[in-house]
Amino acid sequence: MYEWIKFFHLGAGIVWLGGMALVILALRPVAIQRLPPPERVGLMSSVLSRFFVMVWISIALILTTGFWMLSVTDLKLAPRGWHAMSGLGVLMCVIFAHIWFAPFRRLKAAVTVEDWPAAGKALGQIHPMVLTNFALGWLAVLSVVVWR
């Protein structure tokens, strides 16, 4: 059973980190280079709408499976990397919740009324937070792999 729980935990993390990699390293640069602002902002809003639903599902799986794996372990004996990963993961969830409830909400509202400057501003606020979560996610992976 533990292996299945760990599989879902890792899978959810891969979806979240992989999605951020795709958006940051592939989609966003190409959209900036090839699309005028209204089309770019509309595309990014639509893509993020779908991706962020996947992130919520990933968060639910990561937190549920992570807490389960910690609950069957003596926390005093758990590797330090597990504690670091847990703290970083919770921080990532808080940052994502802020993205969802603040700038992403403003982005969707601005796109609906075709207020492209406001939509662009909201996207500009989302980007550094996604970069932060991307870095934190890799730090979490590094901590659990290296810090035993």
C-alpha atoms as a PDB file:
ATOM      1  CA  MET A   1       0.000   0.000   0.000  1.00  0.00           C
ATOM      2  CA  TYR A   2       2.815   2.390   0.888  1.00  0.00           C
ATOM      3  CA  GLU A   3       4.239   2.070  -2.632  1.00  0.00           C
ATOM      4  CA  TRP A   4       0.888   3.086  -4.184  1.00  0.00           C
ATOM      5  CA  ILE A   5       0.600   6.083  -1.901  1.00  0.00           C
ATOM      6  CA  LYS A   6       4.146   7.120  -2.775  1.00  0.00           C
ATOM      7  CA  PHE A   7       3.383   6.616  -6.491  1.00  0.00           C
ATOM      8  CA  PHE A   8       0.419   9.012  -6.339  1.00  0.00           C
ATOM      9  CA  HIS A   9       2.466  11.476  -4.282  1.00  0.00           C
ATOM     10  CA  LEU A  10       5.287  11.499  -6.822  1.00  0.00           C
ATOM     11  CA  GLY A  11       2.896  11.559  -9.772  1.00  0.00           C
ATOM     12  CA  ALA A  12       1.106  14.627  -8.440  1.00  0.00           C
ATOM     13  CA  GLY A  13       4.428  16.370  -7.879  1.00  0.00           C
ATOM     14  CA  ILE A  14       5.541  15.523 -11.409  1.00  0.00           C
ATOM     15  CA  VAL A  15       2.330  16.957 -12.854  1.00  0.00           C
ATOM     16  CA  TRP A  16       2.764  20.200 -10.902  1.00  0.00           C
ATOM     17  CA  LEU A  17       6.493  20.666 -11.561  1.00  0.00           C
ATOM     18  CA  GLY A  18       6.222  19.481 -15.152  1.00  0.00           C
ATOM     19  CA  GLY A  19       3.355  21.850 -15.852  1.00  0.00           C
ATOM     20  CA  MET A  20       5.299  24.759 -14.433  1.00  0.00           C
ATOM     21  CA  ALA A  21       8.298  23.792 -16.570  1.00  0.00           C
ATOM     22  CA  LEU A  22       6.149  23.711 -19.698  1.00  0.00           C
ATOM     23  CA  VAL A  23       4.546  27.088 -19.000  1.00  0.00           C
ATOM     24  CA  ILE A  24       7.744  28.856 -17.894  1.00  0.00           C
ATOM     25  CA  LEU A  25      10.234  27.409 -20.344  1.00  0.00           C
ATOM     26  CA  ALA A  26       8.170  26.722 -23.475  1.00  0.00           C
ATOM     27  CA  LEU A  27       4.691  28.246 -23.656  1.00  0.00           C
ATOM     28  CA  ARG A  28       5.276  31.719 -22.193  1.00  0.00           C
ATOM     29  CA  PRO A  29       8.405  32.588 -24.227  1.00  0.00           C
ATOM     30  CA  VAL A  30       6.799  31.457 -27.482  1.00  0.00           C
ATOM     31  CA  ALA A  31       3.547  33.277 -26.710  1.00  0.00           C
ATOM     32  CA  ILE A  32       5.477  36.484 -25.958  1.00  0.00           C
ATOM     33  CA  GLN A  33       7.476  36.149 -29.154  1.00  0.00           C
ATOM     34  CA  ARG A  34       4.657  35.239 -31.544  1.00  0.00           C
ATOM     35  CA  LEU A  35       1.364  36.619 -30.281  1.00  0.00           C
ATOM     36  CA  PRO A  36       0.066  40.161 -29.860  1.00  0.00           C
ATOM     37  CA  PRO A  37      -0.914  41.052 -26.285  1.00  0.00           C
ATOM     38  CA  PRO A  38      -4.685  40.356 -26.508  1.00  0.00           C
ATOM     39  CA  GLU A  39      -4.158  36.903 -28.027  1.00  0.00           C
ATOM     40  CA  ARG A  40      -1.242  36.111 -25.725  1.00  0.00           C
ATOM     41  CA  VAL A  41      -3.125  37.083 -22.584  1.00  0.00           C
ATOM     42  CA  GLY A  42      -6.207  35.158 -23.704  1.00  0.00           C
ATOM     43  CA  LEU A  43      -4.134  32.061 -24.453  1.00  0.00           C
ATOM     44  CA  MET A  44      -2.288  32.211 -21.142  1.00  0.00           C
ATOM     45  CA  SER A  45      -5.539  32.712 -19.234  1.00  0.00           C
ATOM     46  CA  SER A  46      -7.106  29.684 -20.911  1.00  0.00           C
ATOM     47  CA  VAL A  47      -4.049  27.485 -20.411  1.00  0.00           C
ATOM     48  CA  LEU A  48      -3.647  28.530 -16.779  1.00  0.00           C
ATOM     49  CA  SER A  49      -7.361  27.899 -16.156  1.00  0.00           C
ATOM     50  CA  ARG A  50      -6.913  24.269 -17.172  1.00  0.00           C
ATOM     51  CA  PHE A  51      -3.501  23.841 -15.571  1.00  0.00           C
ATOM     52  CA  PHE A  52      -4.547  25.357 -12.253  1.00  0.00           C
ATOM     53  CA  VAL A  53      -7.359  22.804 -11.914  1.00  0.00           C
ATOM     54  CA  MET A  54      -4.685  20.134 -12.324  1.00  0.00           C
ATOM     55  CA  VAL A  55      -2.615  21.894  -9.656  1.00  0.00           C
ATOM     56  CA  TRP A  56      -5.530  21.828  -7.187  1.00  0.00           C
ATOM     57  CA  ILE A  57      -5.906  18.077  -7.783  1.00  0.00           C
ATOM     58  CA  SER A  58      -2.142  17.645  -7.396  1.00  0.00           C
ATOM     59  CA  ILE A  59      -2.162  19.613  -4.146  1.00  0.00           C
ATOM     60  CA  ALA A  60      -4.969  17.456  -2.759  1.00  0.00           C
ATOM     61  CA  LEU A  61      -3.043  14.300  -3.659  1.00  0.00           C
ATOM     62  CA  ILE A  62       0.312  15.609  -2.426  1.00  0.00           C
ATOM     63  CA  LEU A  63      -1.035  16.764   0.927  1.00  0.00           C
ATOM     64  CA  THR A  64      -3.169  13.672   1.496  1.00  0.00           C
ATOM     65  CA  THR A  65      -0.468  11.187   0.560  1.00  0.00           C
ATOM     66  CA  GLY A  66       2.302  13.181   2.220  1.00  0.00           C
ATOM     67  CA  PHE A  67       0.476  13.433   5.520  1.00  0.00           C
ATOM     68  CA  TRP A  68      -0.407   9.735   5.320  1.00  0.00           C
ATOM     69  CA  MET A  69       3.232   8.747   4.737  1.00  0.00           C
ATOM     70  CA  LEU A  70       4.324  10.944   7.641  1.00  0.00           C
ATOM     71  CA  SER A  71       1.584   9.548   9.883  1.00  0.00           C
ATOM     72  CA  VAL A  72       2.877   5.977   9.538  1.00  0.00           C
ATOM     73  CA  THR A  73       6.413   7.076  10.408  1.00  0.00           C
ATOM     74  CA  ASP A  74       7.940   8.074  13.708  1.00  0.00           C
ATOM     75  CA  LEU A  75       8.595  11.745  12.949  1.00  0.00           C
ATOM     76  CA  LYS A  76      11.648  11.721  15.198  1.00  0.00           C
ATOM     77  CA  LEU A  77      13.171   9.067  12.926  1.00  0.00           C
ATOM     78  CA  ALA A  78      12.050  10.616   9.636  1.00  0.00           C
ATOM     79  CA  PRO A  79      14.894  11.953   7.500  1.00  0.00           C
ATOM     80  CA  ARG A  80      15.460  15.704   7.754  1.00  0.00           C
ATOM     81  CA  GLY A  81      14.765  15.954   4.033  1.00  0.00           C
ATOM     82  CA  TRP A  82      11.179  14.824   4.649  1.00  0.00           C
ATOM     83  CA  HIS A  83      10.660  17.674   7.085  1.00  0.00           C
ATOM     84  CA  ALA A  84      12.208  20.159   4.662  1.00  0.00           C
ATOM     85  CA  MET A  85      10.090  18.812   1.801  1.00  0.00           C
ATOM     86  CA  SER A  86       6.960  19.098   3.929  1.00  0.00           C
ATOM     87  CA  GLY A  87       7.653  22.697   4.857  1.00  0.00           C
ATOM     88  CA  LEU A  88       8.546  23.681   1.305  1.00  0.00           C
ATOM     89  CA  GLY A  89       5.463  21.880  -0.011  1.00  0.00           C
ATOM     90  CA  VAL A  90       3.134  23.692   2.367  1.00  0.00           C
ATOM     91  CA  LEU A  91       4.761  27.002   1.402  1.00  0.00           C
ATOM     92  CA  MET A  92       4.198  26.165  -2.277  1.00  0.00           C
ATOM     93  CA  CYS A  93       0.528  25.456  -1.556  1.00  0.00           C
ATOM     94  CA  VAL A  94       0.135  28.817   0.196  1.00  0.00           C
ATOM     95  CA  ILE A  95       1.788  30.636  -2.711  1.00  0.00           C
ATOM     96  CA  PHE A  96      -0.431  28.828  -5.202  1.00  0.00           C
ATOM     97  CA  ALA A  97      -3.564  29.649  -3.193  1.00  0.00           C
ATOM     98  CA  HIS A  98      -2.533  33.316  -3.296  1.00  0.00           C
ATOM     99  CA  ILE A  99      -2.019  33.111  -7.071  1.00  0.00           C
ATOM    100  CA  TRP A 100      -5.450  31.516  -7.495  1.00  0.00           C
ATOM    101  CA  PHE A 101      -7.421  33.870  -5.261  1.00  0.00           C
ATOM    102  CA  ALA A 102      -5.689  37.156  -6.174  1.00  0.00           C
ATOM    103  CA  PRO A 103      -3.881  37.766  -9.490  1.00  0.00           C
ATOM    104  CA  PHE A 104      -5.444  34.824 -11.344  1.00  0.00           C
ATOM    105  CA  ARG A 105      -8.923  35.960 -10.357  1.00  0.00           C
ATOM    106  CA  ARG A 106      -8.050  39.458 -11.619  1.00  0.00           C
ATOM    107  CA  LEU A 107      -6.642  37.965 -14.833  1.00  0.00           C
ATOM    108  CA  LYS A 108      -9.844  36.081 -15.612  1.00  0.00           C
ATOM    109  CA  ALA A 109     -12.012  39.124 -14.838  1.00  0.00           C
ATOM    110  CA  ALA A 110      -9.859  41.374 -17.038  1.00  0.00           C
ATOM    111  CA  VAL A 111      -9.914  38.908 -19.933  1.00  0.00           C
ATOM    112  CA  THR A 112     -13.698  38.648 -19.683  1.00  0.00           C
ATOM    113  CA  VAL A 113     -14.105  42.409 -20.206  1.00  0.00           C
ATOM    114  CA  GLU A 114     -11.139  42.573 -22.619  1.00  0.00           C
ATOM    115  CA  ASP A 115      -9.142  44.898 -20.368  1.00  0.00           C
ATOM    116  CA  TRP A 116      -5.781  43.837 -21.811  1.00  0.00           C
ATOM    117  CA  PRO A 117      -3.576  46.165 -19.730  1.00  0.00           C
ATOM    118  CA  ALA A 118      -5.121  44.859 -16.486  1.00  0.00           C
ATOM    119  CA  ALA A 119      -4.869  41.284 -17.739  1.00  0.00           C
ATOM    120  CA  GLY A 120      -1.222  41.800 -18.643  1.00  0.00           C
ATOM    121  CA  LYS A 121      -0.552  43.277 -15.208  1.00  0.00           C
ATOM    122  CA  ALA A 122      -2.160  40.241 -13.531  1.00  0.00           C
ATOM    123  CA  LEU A 123      -0.066  37.878 -15.655  1.00  0.00           C
ATOM    124  CA  GLY A 124       2.994  39.885 -14.696  1.00  0.00           C
ATOM    125  CA  GLN A 125       2.135  39.305 -11.023  1.00  0.00           C
ATOM    126  CA  ILE A 126       1.589  35.565 -11.519  1.00  0.00           C
ATOM    127  CA  HIS A 127       4.895  34.922 -13.288  1.00  0.00           C
ATOM    128  CA  PRO A 128       7.348  35.598 -10.407  1.00  0.00           C
ATOM    129  CA  MET A 129       5.233  33.559  -8.003  1.00  0.00           C
ATOM    130  CA  VAL A 130       5.226  30.613 -10.406  1.00  0.00           C
ATOM    131  CA  LEU A 131       9.004  30.970 -10.758  1.00  0.00           C
ATOM    132  CA  THR A 132       9.271  30.931  -6.964  1.00  0.00           C
ATOM    133  CA  ASN A 133       7.136  27.795  -6.715  1.00  0.00           C
ATOM    134  CA  PHE A 134       9.162  26.149  -9.465  1.00  0.00           C
ATOM    135  CA  ALA A 135      12.381  26.793  -7.536  1.00  0.00           C
ATOM    136  CA  LEU A 136      10.811  25.679  -4.241  1.00  0.00           C
ATOM    137  CA  GLY A 137       9.550  22.488  -5.873  1.00  0.00           C
ATOM    138  CA  TRP A 138      13.028  21.583  -7.041  1.00  0.00           C
ATOM    139  CA  LEU A 139      14.431  22.443  -3.611  1.00  0.00           C
ATOM    140  CA  ALA A 140      11.889  20.052  -2.091  1.00  0.00           C
ATOM    141  CA  VAL A 141      12.977  17.293  -4.470  1.00  0.00           C
ATOM    142  CA  LEU A 142      16.625  18.033  -3.752  1.00  0.00           C
ATOM    143  CA  SER A 143      16.081  18.024   0.012  1.00  0.00           C
ATOM    144  CA  VAL A 144      14.363  14.654   0.075  1.00  0.00           C
ATOM    145  CA  VAL A 145      16.931  13.061  -2.244  1.00  0.00           C
ATOM    146  CA  VAL A 146      20.080  14.497  -0.630  1.00  0.00           C
ATOM    147  CA  TRP A 147      19.248  15.254   3.011  1.00  0.00           C
ATOM    148  CA  ARG A 148      18.818  11.970   4.796  1.00  0.00           C
END
